[in-house]
Amino acid sequence: MENKLNIDELIEKYQIGELFGDDLIWFENELKTNKDLVNEFNLHQMIDKAIIQEDIFIFRERLENIHKIMILEKSRPIKNIIHNFKLLYFAGAAIILLIIGCFFYFYNNNKIYTNEELFSMYYEPYLTIAGVRSEINDHSYKIYSDAIHKYSQKDYQNAIKLFSRLVEKNNNNTASHLYLGISYMETQKFNKAIESFQYIIEQNDLLYIQQAEWYLALCYLSLNMNEKALLQFEEISKRNNCYKNKVDEILKKYKTVR
């Protein structure tokens, strides 16, 4: 590990959210036991704060210099004085905005999100589609239609009953497995939802596999199964998955194994 990255690089990557996988796990564990690493990390934090404080000091110094110039130029025409006040105003405003920007950048890149926060930020139920897959025959169509209606109305308990009947009749009905899994998520039955999504992935169903991988990762996240969640998110990020952009955002925020 230490041969791959030096300590400064590790700390910098950790602070900006670019430390993942085994490197992240190792670094977090070292922070718990390695006093030298903790001291070095605290030093980096102090330096970051000092940079912001230095910006404030420079701002004050510039204001004082401008104020001295104003005093020396009191004898000049009033237009020049007004012009200098405008310069003072705009210079001060620009520096304040710079300091505020630095603060928010530092705060946002060092905020540690909980699993619950990440889940609520990115989870939303899958929208129903108008079409029906070929595995839905005429006999099952009425049940499927009723199940989709219950799902659309957010009546997830009854949707679970109907989708369960469909997969019992035809286990290859991957569309029903997907909606069943999400209905389980909506009723906080995440372990049941995992079974539905894993089935779709095992079948390698090209129409629904990307959705199944995404919701499976969110289930792991909600259940605090952090290693599985992280591995699942990293797998999605490697591929051209339709959820890749969201996953990359999560990985930047997912700084620590909770």
C-alpha atoms as a PDB file:
ATOM      1  CA  MET A   1       0.000   0.000   0.000  1.00  0.00           C
ATOM      2  CA  GLU A   2       2.605   2.578   1.078  1.00  0.00           C
ATOM      3  CA  ASN A   3       4.678   1.708  -1.976  1.00  0.00           C
ATOM      4  CA  LYS A   4       1.789   2.590  -4.242  1.00  0.00           C
ATOM      5  CA  LEU A   5       0.974   6.041  -2.858  1.00  0.00           C
ATOM      6  CA  ASN A   6       2.814   8.223  -0.393  1.00  0.00           C
ATOM      7  CA  ILE A   7       0.991   9.543   2.651  1.00  0.00           C
ATOM      8  CA  ASP A   8       0.488  13.062   1.260  1.00  0.00           C
ATOM      9  CA  GLU A   9      -1.151  11.702  -1.878  1.00  0.00           C
ATOM     10  CA  LEU A  10      -3.400   9.407   0.172  1.00  0.00           C
ATOM     11  CA  ILE A  11      -4.534  12.261   2.416  1.00  0.00           C
ATOM     12  CA  GLU A  12      -5.173  14.556  -0.539  1.00  0.00           C
ATOM     13  CA  LYS A  13      -7.193  11.905  -2.382  1.00  0.00           C
ATOM     14  CA  TYR A  14      -9.173  11.160   0.799  1.00  0.00           C
ATOM     15  CA  GLN A  15      -9.979  14.849   1.332  1.00  0.00           C
ATOM     16  CA  ILE A  16     -11.318  15.350  -2.210  1.00  0.00           C
ATOM     17  CA  GLY A  17     -13.191  12.051  -2.317  1.00  0.00           C
ATOM     18  CA  GLU A  18     -11.013  10.219  -4.832  1.00  0.00           C
ATOM     19  CA  LEU A  19      -9.893   7.335  -2.595  1.00  0.00           C
ATOM     20  CA  PHE A  20     -11.820   4.133  -3.266  1.00  0.00           C
ATOM     21  CA  GLY A  21     -11.788   0.378  -2.754  1.00  0.00           C
ATOM     22  CA  ASP A  22      -8.934  -1.269  -0.871  1.00  0.00           C
ATOM     23  CA  ASP A  23      -7.029   2.029  -0.593  1.00  0.00           C
ATOM     24  CA  LEU A  24      -9.992   3.641   1.180  1.00  0.00           C
ATOM     25  CA  ILE A  25     -10.498   0.693   3.545  1.00  0.00           C
ATOM     26  CA  TRP A  26      -6.791   0.596   4.417  1.00  0.00           C
ATOM     27  CA  PHE A  27      -6.648   4.344   4.983  1.00  0.00           C
ATOM     28  CA  GLU A  28      -9.713   4.357   7.255  1.00  0.00           C
ATOM     29  CA  ASN A  29      -8.326   1.484   9.327  1.00  0.00           C
ATOM     30  CA  GLU A  30      -4.956   3.238   9.650  1.00  0.00           C
ATOM     31  CA  LEU A  31      -6.674   6.423  10.859  1.00  0.00           C
ATOM     32  CA  LYS A  32      -8.053   4.396  13.758  1.00  0.00           C
ATOM     33  CA  THR A  33      -4.676   3.003  14.923  1.00  0.00           C
ATOM     34  CA  ASN A  34      -1.797   4.938  13.351  1.00  0.00           C
ATOM     35  CA  LYS A  35      -1.042   8.031  15.458  1.00  0.00           C
ATOM     36  CA  ASP A  36       1.531   9.332  12.970  1.00  0.00           C
ATOM     37  CA  LEU A  37      -1.043   9.209  10.173  1.00  0.00           C
ATOM     38  CA  VAL A  38      -3.627  10.944  12.368  1.00  0.00           C
ATOM     39  CA  ASN A  39      -1.143  13.720  13.163  1.00  0.00           C
ATOM     40  CA  GLU A  40      -0.285  14.112   9.491  1.00  0.00           C
ATOM     41  CA  PHE A  41      -3.982  14.200   8.561  1.00  0.00           C
ATOM     42  CA  ASN A  42      -4.697  16.854  11.213  1.00  0.00           C
ATOM     43  CA  LEU A  43      -1.762  18.873   9.909  1.00  0.00           C
ATOM     44  CA  HIS A  44      -3.268  18.854   6.421  1.00  0.00           C
ATOM     45  CA  GLN A  45      -6.593  20.001   7.868  1.00  0.00           C
ATOM     46  CA  MET A  46      -4.849  22.854   9.698  1.00  0.00           C
ATOM     47  CA  ILE A  47      -3.041  23.886   6.525  1.00  0.00           C
ATOM     48  CA  ASP A  48      -6.328  24.038   4.610  1.00  0.00           C
ATOM     49  CA  LYS A  49      -7.833  26.235   7.319  1.00  0.00           C
ATOM     50  CA  ALA A  50      -4.700  28.397   7.366  1.00  0.00           C
ATOM     51  CA  ILE A  51      -5.049  29.014   3.635  1.00  0.00           C
ATOM     52  CA  ILE A  52      -8.554  30.362   4.187  1.00  0.00           C
ATOM     53  CA  GLN A  53      -7.323  32.478   7.114  1.00  0.00           C
ATOM     54  CA  GLU A  54      -4.481  33.780   4.974  1.00  0.00           C
ATOM     55  CA  ASP A  55      -7.009  34.856   2.334  1.00  0.00           C
ATOM     56  CA  ILE A  56      -8.865  36.795   5.040  1.00  0.00           C
ATOM     57  CA  PHE A  57      -5.602  38.408   6.209  1.00  0.00           C
ATOM     58  CA  ILE A  58      -4.766  39.457   2.626  1.00  0.00           C
ATOM     59  CA  PHE A  59      -8.264  40.888   2.289  1.00  0.00           C
ATOM     60  CA  ARG A  60      -7.845  42.987   5.421  1.00  0.00           C
ATOM     61  CA  GLU A  61      -4.414  44.175   4.313  1.00  0.00           C
ATOM     62  CA  ARG A  62      -5.764  45.286   0.944  1.00  0.00           C
ATOM     63  CA  LEU A  63      -8.614  47.151   2.609  1.00  0.00           C
ATOM     64  CA  GLU A  64      -6.153  48.971   4.847  1.00  0.00           C
ATOM     65  CA  ASN A  65      -3.981  49.939   1.863  1.00  0.00           C
ATOM     66  CA  ILE A  66      -7.002  51.221  -0.035  1.00  0.00           C
ATOM     67  CA  HIS A  67      -8.096  53.170   3.038  1.00  0.00           C
ATOM     68  CA  LYS A  68      -4.665  54.816   3.287  1.00  0.00           C
ATOM     69  CA  ILE A  69      -4.846  55.792  -0.373  1.00  0.00           C
ATOM     70  CA  MET A  70      -8.273  57.340   0.212  1.00  0.00           C
ATOM     71  CA  ILE A  71      -6.935  59.454   3.065  1.00  0.00           C
ATOM     72  CA  LEU A  72      -4.058  60.726   0.920  1.00  0.00           C
ATOM     73  CA  GLU A  73      -6.414  61.627  -1.906  1.00  0.00           C
ATOM     74  CA  LYS A  74      -8.972  63.587   0.131  1.00  0.00           C
ATOM     75  CA  SER A  75      -7.845  66.772  -1.528  1.00  0.00           C
ATOM     76  CA  ARG A  76      -8.629  65.429  -5.008  1.00  0.00           C
ATOM     77  CA  PRO A  77     -11.949  66.094  -6.766  1.00  0.00           C
ATOM     78  CA  ILE A  78     -15.008  64.311  -5.402  1.00  0.00           C
ATOM     79  CA  LYS A  79     -15.308  62.201  -8.560  1.00  0.00           C
ATOM     80  CA  ASN A  80     -12.000  60.514  -7.833  1.00  0.00           C
ATOM     81  CA  ILE A  81     -13.105  59.767  -4.277  1.00  0.00           C
ATOM     82  CA  ILE A  82     -16.341  58.155  -5.513  1.00  0.00           C
ATOM     83  CA  HIS A  83     -14.350  56.163  -8.044  1.00  0.00           C
ATOM     84  CA  ASN A  84     -12.037  54.900  -5.310  1.00  0.00           C
ATOM     85  CA  PHE A  85     -14.998  53.925  -3.133  1.00  0.00           C
ATOM     86  CA  LYS A  86     -16.331  51.873  -6.026  1.00  0.00           C
ATOM     87  CA  LEU A  87     -12.969  50.169  -6.375  1.00  0.00           C
ATOM     88  CA  LEU A  88     -12.992  49.454  -2.646  1.00  0.00           C
ATOM     89  CA  TYR A  89     -16.518  48.016  -2.845  1.00  0.00           C
ATOM     90  CA  PHE A  90     -15.880  45.750  -5.825  1.00  0.00           C
ATOM     91  CA  ALA A  91     -12.485  44.588  -4.561  1.00  0.00           C
ATOM     92  CA  GLY A  92     -13.944  43.744  -1.166  1.00  0.00           C
ATOM     93  CA  ALA A  93     -16.942  41.959  -2.696  1.00  0.00           C
ATOM     94  CA  ALA A  94     -14.712  39.887  -4.992  1.00  0.00           C
ATOM     95  CA  ILE A  95     -12.456  38.792  -2.134  1.00  0.00           C
ATOM     96  CA  ILE A  96     -15.423  37.920   0.098  1.00  0.00           C
ATOM     97  CA  LEU A  97     -16.938  35.801  -2.691  1.00  0.00           C
ATOM     98  CA  LEU A  98     -13.594  34.072  -3.123  1.00  0.00           C
ATOM     99  CA  ILE A  99     -13.412  33.265   0.582  1.00  0.00           C
ATOM    100  CA  ILE A 100     -17.025  32.006   0.642  1.00  0.00           C
ATOM    101  CA  GLY A 101     -16.315  29.856  -2.413  1.00  0.00           C
ATOM    102  CA  CYS A 102     -13.239  28.351  -0.769  1.00  0.00           C
ATOM    103  CA  PHE A 103     -15.214  27.598   2.369  1.00  0.00           C
ATOM    104  CA  PHE A 104     -18.063  25.833   0.556  1.00  0.00           C
ATOM    105  CA  TYR A 105     -15.652  23.896  -1.642  1.00  0.00           C
ATOM    106  CA  PHE A 106     -13.741  22.737   1.427  1.00  0.00           C
ATOM    107  CA  TYR A 107     -16.966  21.866   3.295  1.00  0.00           C
ATOM    108  CA  ASN A 108     -18.642  19.982   0.446  1.00  0.00           C
ATOM    109  CA  ASN A 109     -15.541  17.973  -0.373  1.00  0.00           C
ATOM    110  CA  ASN A 110     -15.040  16.941   3.242  1.00  0.00           C
ATOM    111  CA  LYS A 111     -18.649  16.209   4.205  1.00  0.00           C
ATOM    112  CA  ILE A 112     -19.197  12.573   5.102  1.00  0.00           C
ATOM    113  CA  TYR A 113     -22.616  11.343   4.057  1.00  0.00           C
ATOM    114  CA  THR A 114     -24.482   8.612   5.895  1.00  0.00           C
ATOM    115  CA  ASN A 115     -25.957   5.670   4.013  1.00  0.00           C
ATOM    116  CA  GLU A 116     -29.425   6.989   4.782  1.00  0.00           C
ATOM    117  CA  GLU A 117     -28.588  10.398   3.294  1.00  0.00           C
ATOM    118  CA  LEU A 118     -27.153   8.889   0.111  1.00  0.00           C
ATOM    119  CA  PHE A 119     -30.133   6.574  -0.279  1.00  0.00           C
ATOM    120  CA  SER A 120     -32.671   9.396   0.075  1.00  0.00           C
ATOM    121  CA  MET A 121     -30.688  11.556  -2.370  1.00  0.00           C
ATOM    122  CA  TYR A 122     -30.577   8.982  -5.172  1.00  0.00           C
ATOM    123  CA  TYR A 123     -33.410   6.509  -4.718  1.00  0.00           C
ATOM    124  CA  GLU A 124     -36.616   6.864  -6.671  1.00  0.00           C
ATOM    125  CA  PRO A 125     -38.977   4.076  -7.785  1.00  0.00           C
ATOM    126  CA  TYR A 126     -38.751   2.825 -11.346  1.00  0.00           C
ATOM    127  CA  LEU A 127     -41.390   4.311 -13.646  1.00  0.00           C
ATOM    128  CA  THR A 128     -43.887   1.932 -15.210  1.00  0.00           C
ATOM    129  CA  ILE A 129     -43.649   1.256 -18.939  1.00  0.00           C
ATOM    130  CA  ALA A 130     -46.571   1.000 -21.332  1.00  0.00           C
ATOM    131  CA  GLY A 131     -45.521  -2.149 -23.151  1.00  0.00           C
ATOM    132  CA  VAL A 132     -45.623  -5.752 -21.919  1.00  0.00           C
ATOM    133  CA  ARG A 133     -42.992  -8.434 -22.441  1.00  0.00           C
ATOM    134  CA  SER A 134     -43.809 -11.594 -24.415  1.00  0.00           C
ATOM    135  CA  GLU A 135     -43.688 -13.718 -21.270  1.00  0.00           C
ATOM    136  CA  ILE A 136     -47.004 -12.126 -20.189  1.00  0.00           C
ATOM    137  CA  ASN A 137     -49.689 -14.317 -21.792  1.00  0.00           C
ATOM    138  CA  ASP A 138     -53.378 -13.520 -22.152  1.00  0.00           C
ATOM    139  CA  HIS A 139     -54.286 -15.376 -18.973  1.00  0.00           C
ATOM    140  CA  SER A 140     -51.812 -13.361 -16.893  1.00  0.00           C
ATOM    141  CA  TYR A 141     -52.346 -10.011 -18.587  1.00  0.00           C
ATOM    142  CA  LYS A 142     -55.252  -9.008 -16.330  1.00  0.00           C
ATOM    143  CA  ILE A 143     -53.173  -9.731 -13.205  1.00  0.00           C
ATOM    144  CA  TYR A 144     -50.212  -7.834 -14.650  1.00  0.00           C
ATOM    145  CA  SER A 145     -52.400  -4.861 -15.556  1.00  0.00           C
ATOM    146  CA  ASP A 146     -53.899  -4.759 -12.066  1.00  0.00           C
ATOM    147  CA  ALA A 147     -50.439  -5.085 -10.505  1.00  0.00           C
ATOM    148  CA  ILE A 148     -49.071  -2.184 -12.571  1.00  0.00           C
ATOM    149  CA  HIS A 149     -52.095  -0.089 -11.600  1.00  0.00           C
ATOM    150  CA  LYS A 150     -51.519  -0.778  -7.889  1.00  0.00           C
ATOM    151  CA  TYR A 151     -47.819   0.007  -8.323  1.00  0.00           C
ATOM    152  CA  SER A 152     -48.580   3.297 -10.106  1.00  0.00           C
ATOM    153  CA  GLN A 153     -50.988   4.227  -7.312  1.00  0.00           C
ATOM    154  CA  LYS A 154     -48.233   3.466  -4.752  1.00  0.00           C
ATOM    155  CA  ASP A 155     -50.336   0.689  -3.286  1.00  0.00           C
ATOM    156  CA  TYR A 156     -47.226  -1.424  -2.882  1.00  0.00           C
ATOM    157  CA  GLN A 157     -48.663  -4.017  -0.498  1.00  0.00           C
ATOM    158  CA  ASN A 158     -51.277  -5.128  -3.031  1.00  0.00           C
ATOM    159  CA  ALA A 159     -48.768  -4.752  -5.863  1.00  0.00           C
ATOM    160  CA  ILE A 160     -46.533  -7.267  -4.049  1.00  0.00           C
ATOM    161  CA  LYS A 161     -49.387  -9.771  -3.862  1.00  0.00           C
ATOM    162  CA  LEU A 162     -50.158  -9.480  -7.578  1.00  0.00           C
ATOM    163  CA  PHE A 163     -46.565  -9.507  -8.824  1.00  0.00           C
ATOM    164  CA  SER A 164     -45.846 -12.484  -6.556  1.00  0.00           C
ATOM    165  CA  ARG A 165     -48.702 -14.382  -8.219  1.00  0.00           C
ATOM    166  CA  LEU A 166     -47.221 -13.576 -11.629  1.00  0.00           C
ATOM    167  CA  VAL A 167     -43.720 -14.855 -10.806  1.00  0.00           C
ATOM    168  CA  GLU A 168     -45.230 -17.954  -9.252  1.00  0.00           C
ATOM    169  CA  LYS A 169     -47.031 -18.671 -12.519  1.00  0.00           C
ATOM    170  CA  ASN A 170     -44.014 -17.824 -14.658  1.00  0.00           C
ATOM    171  CA  ASN A 171     -40.655 -17.306 -12.948  1.00  0.00           C
ATOM    172  CA  ASN A 172     -39.136 -16.024 -16.212  1.00  0.00           C
ATOM    173  CA  ASN A 173     -41.294 -12.915 -15.979  1.00  0.00           C
ATOM    174  CA  THR A 174     -38.401 -10.530 -15.253  1.00  0.00           C
ATOM    175  CA  ALA A 175     -40.549  -7.399 -15.550  1.00  0.00           C
ATOM    176  CA  SER A 176     -42.640  -8.596 -12.623  1.00  0.00           C
ATOM    177  CA  HIS A 177     -39.453  -9.441 -10.693  1.00  0.00           C
ATOM    178  CA  LEU A 178     -38.251  -5.840 -11.146  1.00  0.00           C
ATOM    179  CA  TYR A 179     -41.508  -4.213 -10.019  1.00  0.00           C
ATOM    180  CA  LEU A 180     -41.807  -6.747  -7.198  1.00  0.00           C
ATOM    181  CA  GLY A 181     -38.301  -5.862  -5.993  1.00  0.00           C
ATOM    182  CA  ILE A 182     -39.030  -2.133  -5.994  1.00  0.00           C
ATOM    183  CA  SER A 183     -42.353  -2.714  -4.212  1.00  0.00           C
ATOM    184  CA  TYR A 184     -40.386  -4.573  -1.540  1.00  0.00           C
ATOM    185  CA  MET A 185     -38.007  -1.608  -1.280  1.00  0.00           C
ATOM    186  CA  GLU A 186     -40.935   0.759  -0.811  1.00  0.00           C
ATOM    187  CA  THR A 187     -42.172  -1.403   2.070  1.00  0.00           C
ATOM    188  CA  GLN A 188     -38.694  -1.625   3.668  1.00  0.00           C
ATOM    189  CA  LYS A 189     -38.293  -5.337   2.826  1.00  0.00           C
ATOM    190  CA  PHE A 190     -34.837  -4.934   1.342  1.00  0.00           C
ATOM    191  CA  ASN A 191     -33.712  -8.538   1.707  1.00  0.00           C
ATOM    192  CA  LYS A 192     -36.722  -9.665  -0.321  1.00  0.00           C
ATOM    193  CA  ALA A 193     -35.948  -6.976  -2.903  1.00  0.00           C
ATOM    194  CA  ILE A 194     -32.363  -8.255  -3.189  1.00  0.00           C
ATOM    195  CA  GLU A 195     -33.653 -11.703  -4.180  1.00  0.00           C
ATOM    196  CA  SER A 196     -35.726 -10.219  -7.016  1.00  0.00           C
ATOM    197  CA  PHE A 197     -32.873  -8.122  -8.399  1.00  0.00           C
ATOM    198  CA  GLN A 198     -30.338 -10.940  -8.110  1.00  0.00           C
ATOM    199  CA  TYR A 199     -32.651 -13.192 -10.113  1.00  0.00           C
ATOM    200  CA  ILE A 200     -32.782 -10.652 -12.977  1.00  0.00           C
ATOM    201  CA  ILE A 201     -28.993 -10.328 -12.944  1.00  0.00           C
ATOM    202  CA  GLU A 202     -28.531 -14.093 -12.930  1.00  0.00           C
ATOM    203  CA  GLN A 203     -30.831 -14.352 -15.964  1.00  0.00           C
ATOM    204  CA  ASN A 204     -28.733 -11.658 -17.694  1.00  0.00           C
ATOM    205  CA  ASP A 205     -31.918 -10.000 -18.904  1.00  0.00           C
ATOM    206  CA  LEU A 206     -30.621  -7.189 -21.116  1.00  0.00           C
ATOM    207  CA  LEU A 207     -33.774  -5.082 -20.807  1.00  0.00           C
ATOM    208  CA  TYR A 208     -33.768  -4.928 -17.021  1.00  0.00           C
ATOM    209  CA  ILE A 209     -30.261  -5.861 -15.843  1.00  0.00           C
ATOM    210  CA  GLN A 210     -29.023  -2.266 -15.526  1.00  0.00           C
ATOM    211  CA  GLN A 211     -32.002  -1.324 -13.368  1.00  0.00           C
ATOM    212  CA  ALA A 212     -31.556  -4.486 -11.282  1.00  0.00           C
ATOM    213  CA  GLU A 213     -27.852  -3.719 -10.663  1.00  0.00           C
ATOM    214  CA  TRP A 214     -28.661  -0.137  -9.626  1.00  0.00           C
ATOM    215  CA  TYR A 215     -31.463  -1.025  -7.211  1.00  0.00           C
ATOM    216  CA  LEU A 216     -29.443  -3.944  -5.811  1.00  0.00           C
ATOM    217  CA  ALA A 217     -26.644  -1.508  -4.889  1.00  0.00           C
ATOM    218  CA  LEU A 218     -29.164   0.811  -3.218  1.00  0.00           C
ATOM    219  CA  CYS A 219     -30.544  -2.123  -1.207  1.00  0.00           C
ATOM    220  CA  TYR A 220     -27.038  -2.914   0.051  1.00  0.00           C
ATOM    221  CA  LEU A 221     -26.586   0.769   0.888  1.00  0.00           C
ATOM    222  CA  SER A 222     -29.832   0.929   2.866  1.00  0.00           C
ATOM    223  CA  LEU A 223     -28.951  -2.242   4.799  1.00  0.00           C
ATOM    224  CA  ASN A 224     -25.480  -0.849   5.661  1.00  0.00           C
ATOM    225  CA  MET A 225     -23.857  -3.708   3.747  1.00  0.00           C
ATOM    226  CA  ASN A 226     -21.086  -1.307   2.860  1.00  0.00           C
ATOM    227  CA  GLU A 227     -18.546  -3.579   1.184  1.00  0.00           C
ATOM    228  CA  LYS A 228     -21.187  -5.128  -1.073  1.00  0.00           C
ATOM    229  CA  ALA A 229     -22.631  -1.706  -1.876  1.00  0.00           C
ATOM    230  CA  LEU A 230     -19.210  -0.302  -2.745  1.00  0.00           C
ATOM    231  CA  LEU A 231     -18.331  -3.286  -4.957  1.00  0.00           C
ATOM    232  CA  GLN A 232     -21.692  -3.079  -6.728  1.00  0.00           C
ATOM    233  CA  PHE A 233     -21.327   0.668  -7.360  1.00  0.00           C
ATOM    234  CA  GLU A 234     -17.783   0.169  -8.669  1.00  0.00           C
ATOM    235  CA  GLU A 235     -18.977  -2.569 -11.049  1.00  0.00           C
ATOM    236  CA  ILE A 236     -21.668  -0.255 -12.429  1.00  0.00           C
ATOM    237  CA  SER A 237     -19.135   2.568 -12.802  1.00  0.00           C
ATOM    238  CA  LYS A 238     -16.865   0.366 -14.936  1.00  0.00           C
ATOM    239  CA  ARG A 239     -19.598  -0.241 -17.516  1.00  0.00           C
ATOM    240  CA  ASN A 240     -21.698   1.954 -19.756  1.00  0.00           C
ATOM    241  CA  ASN A 241     -24.651   1.630 -17.399  1.00  0.00           C
ATOM    242  CA  CYS A 242     -27.451   4.197 -17.683  1.00  0.00           C
ATOM    243  CA  TYR A 243     -26.913   4.937 -13.963  1.00  0.00           C
ATOM    244  CA  LYS A 244     -23.151   5.493 -14.305  1.00  0.00           C
ATOM    245  CA  ASN A 245     -23.269   9.272 -13.718  1.00  0.00           C
ATOM    246  CA  LYS A 246     -25.277   8.872 -10.517  1.00  0.00           C
ATOM    247  CA  VAL A 247     -22.964   6.101  -9.356  1.00  0.00           C
ATOM    248  CA  ASP A 248     -19.865   8.240  -9.961  1.00  0.00           C
ATOM    249  CA  GLU A 249     -21.435  10.987  -7.834  1.00  0.00           C
ATOM    250  CA  ILE A 250     -22.150   8.486  -5.059  1.00  0.00           C
ATOM    251  CA  LEU A 251     -18.598   7.134  -5.148  1.00  0.00           C
ATOM    252  CA  LYS A 252     -17.217  10.650  -4.659  1.00  0.00           C
ATOM    253  CA  LYS A 253     -19.464  11.118  -1.628  1.00  0.00           C
ATOM    254  CA  TYR A 254     -18.946   7.592  -0.303  1.00  0.00           C
ATOM    255  CA  LYS A 255     -15.721   8.449   1.511  1.00  0.00           C
ATOM    256  CA  THR A 256     -15.769   6.031   4.355  1.00  0.00           C
ATOM    257  CA  VAL A 257     -16.986   2.557   5.219  1.00  0.00           C
ATOM    258  CA  ARG A 258     -19.663   3.352   7.799  1.00  0.00           C
END
